[in-house]
Protein backbone atom coordinates (compact mmCIF):
# COMPACT_ATOMS: atom_id res chain seq x y z
CA MET A 1 29.91 0.53 20.44
CA VAL A 2 27.14 -1.41 18.70
CA PRO A 3 28.19 -4.54 16.80
CA ASP A 4 27.74 -4.38 13.04
CA ASP A 5 25.81 -7.66 13.07
CA TRP A 6 23.11 -6.14 15.30
CA VAL A 7 22.63 -3.19 12.93
CA ASP A 8 22.41 -5.49 9.90
CA GLU A 9 19.90 -7.79 11.58
CA SER A 10 17.67 -4.96 12.76
CA THR A 11 17.78 -3.34 9.32
CA LEU A 12 16.89 -6.63 7.63
CA GLU A 13 14.02 -7.19 10.07
CA LEU A 14 12.71 -3.70 9.36
CA PHE A 15 12.75 -4.29 5.60
CA ASN A 16 11.19 -7.74 5.98
CA SER A 17 8.36 -6.38 8.13
CA ALA A 18 7.77 -3.59 5.61
CA ASP A 19 7.66 -6.09 2.74
CA THR A 20 5.18 -8.34 4.54
CA TYR A 21 3.12 -5.28 5.50
CA TYR A 22 2.83 -4.11 1.89
CA ALA A 23 2.29 -7.68 0.66
CA LEU A 24 -0.67 -7.97 3.04
CA VAL A 25 -2.11 -4.47 2.64
CA LEU A 26 -1.79 -3.83 -1.11
CA PRO A 27 -4.03 -6.71 -2.25
CA CYS A 28 -6.68 -5.40 0.15
CA LEU A 29 -6.32 -1.80 -1.03
CA MET A 30 -6.28 -2.41 -4.78
CA PRO A 31 -10.00 -3.34 -5.09
CA VAL A 32 -10.92 -0.35 -2.92
CA ILE A 33 -8.86 2.01 -5.10
CA ILE A 34 -10.35 0.52 -8.29
CA ILE A 35 -13.93 0.78 -6.96
CA HIS A 36 -13.38 4.38 -5.86
CA PHE A 37 -11.90 5.23 -9.28
CA ILE A 38 -14.91 3.68 -11.06
CA LEU A 39 -17.35 5.49 -8.77
CA ILE A 40 -15.58 8.81 -9.39
CA GLU A 41 -15.64 8.26 -13.16
CA VAL A 42 -19.35 7.35 -13.15
CA GLY A 43 -20.13 10.25 -10.83
CA LEU A 44 -18.28 12.74 -13.04
CA GLU A 45 -19.99 11.49 -16.21
CA PHE A 46 -23.40 11.66 -14.51
CA PHE A 47 -22.63 15.15 -13.21
CA ILE A 48 -21.41 16.38 -16.62
CA ASN A 49 -24.35 14.88 -18.53
CA ASN A 50 -26.82 16.62 -16.25
């Protein structure tokens, strides 16, 4: 039998690590996503105009 406390602690640690992971990664990814979106928009307009 596994104690309930161990399951709760491991689950909380998993969620905490996921939160810190997203908190660290999302700010880094947002500028990249925005730049790619702008480049795609400019590229499509340039392609359509020509």
